[in-house]
Protein backbone atom coordinates (compact mmCIF):
# COMPACT_ATOMS: atom_id res chain seq x y z
CA MET A 1 -19.11 118.20 93.67
CA LEU A 2 -21.84 115.78 92.60
CA ASP A 3 -20.01 112.93 94.28
CA ILE A 4 -19.94 114.84 97.59
CA ILE A 5 -23.69 115.56 97.37
CA ARG A 6 -24.41 111.90 96.53
CA LYS A 7 -22.39 110.65 99.53
CA ALA A 8 -24.07 113.16 101.85
CA SER A 9 -27.55 112.15 100.73
CA LEU A 10 -26.79 108.42 101.11
CA GLY A 11 -25.44 109.07 104.59
CA ALA A 12 -28.58 111.00 105.54
CA VAL A 13 -30.83 108.15 104.41
CA SER A 14 -28.84 105.50 106.27
CA ASN A 15 -28.98 107.57 109.48
CA THR A 16 -32.80 107.76 109.42
CA ASN A 17 -33.37 103.99 109.74
CA PRO A 18 -34.94 103.23 106.35
CA MET A 19 -37.60 100.55 106.05
CA ALA A 20 -36.62 96.98 106.90
CA ALA A 21 -38.35 93.60 107.07
CA LEU A 22 -38.10 91.74 110.39
CA TYR A 23 -39.52 88.58 111.95
CA GLY A 24 -41.43 88.63 115.20
CA THR A 25 -43.26 86.30 117.56
CA VAL A 26 -46.53 87.17 119.26
CA LEU A 27 -45.97 87.12 123.03
CA SER A 28 -49.49 88.10 124.11
CA ILE A 29 -52.70 89.31 122.51
CA SER A 30 -54.22 91.29 125.38
CA PRO A 31 -52.37 93.57 125.44
CA LEU A 32 -50.77 92.84 122.08
CA GLU A 33 -47.00 92.46 122.34
CA ILE A 34 -44.59 91.12 119.71
CA SER A 35 -40.98 90.07 120.32
CA VAL A 36 -38.72 91.06 117.40
CA GLU A 37 -36.00 88.51 116.67
CA GLN A 38 -35.50 88.02 120.43
CA ARG A 39 -33.89 91.49 120.64
CA PHE A 40 -36.74 93.74 121.80
CA SER A 41 -40.51 93.77 122.28
CA LEU A 42 -43.08 95.99 120.62
CA PRO A 43 -46.26 97.13 122.39
CA ALA A 44 -49.56 97.57 120.52
CA SER A 45 -48.97 101.33 120.33
CA ALA A 46 -45.97 100.75 118.01
CA LEU A 47 -47.84 98.35 115.70
CA VAL A 48 -49.95 99.01 112.63
CA ILE A 49 -52.39 96.11 112.22
CA PRO A 50 -54.03 95.57 108.78
CA GLU A 51 -57.71 94.68 108.63
CA THR A 52 -57.01 91.11 107.50
CA ILE A 53 -54.90 90.43 110.59
CA VAL A 54 -57.58 91.98 112.83
CA LYS A 55 -60.30 89.78 111.30
CA LEU A 56 -58.25 86.58 111.48
CA GLY A 57 -56.67 87.45 114.82
CA LEU A 58 -53.30 86.55 116.24
CA GLN A 59 -52.41 83.96 118.84
CA PRO A 60 -49.44 83.76 121.21
CA GLY A 61 -46.62 81.93 119.45
CA ASP A 62 -47.62 83.08 115.94
CA ARG A 63 -44.62 84.15 113.84
CA VAL A 64 -45.23 87.34 111.91
CA LEU A 65 -43.47 89.36 109.23
CA LEU A 66 -43.00 93.00 110.20
CA LEU A 67 -42.07 96.03 108.14
CA ARG A 68 -40.27 98.76 110.07
CA ILE A 69 -41.49 102.15 108.92
CA GLN A 70 -38.73 104.69 108.27
CA GLY A 71 -37.53 106.13 111.55
CA GLY A 72 -38.22 102.93 113.48
CA GLN A 73 -41.12 104.22 115.56
CA SER A 74 -43.86 102.09 113.95
CA TYR A 75 -44.02 98.56 112.55
CA VAL A 76 -46.61 97.14 110.15
CA VAL A 77 -47.64 93.53 110.77
CA LEU A 78 -47.70 92.25 107.18
CA ASP A 79 -48.83 88.67 107.74
CA ARG A 80 -48.27 85.41 109.59
CA VAL A 81 -45.24 83.33 108.64
CA VAL A 82 -45.67 79.59 108.19
CA ASP A 83 -43.05 76.89 107.87
CA SER A 84 -42.47 75.68 104.33
CA LEU A 85 -44.06 72.36 103.41
């Protein structure tokens, strides 16, 4: 019985699109639009922008690290991604 409940709960979580880290590229800043791994684009309304990113600003071509919020309707822009030295 416990095994059945465990499998059902794991299936429910996987069907709700749990959080995931993704890479994106800034396409434009006015209006803000970010391309996610060349699969789809996110408008500003789907993005949560932290204060540090707002203060420093983004530029077209910047690579960013995104965190998809559970459910996949909103994405947090965590930070810029730079090439390793």
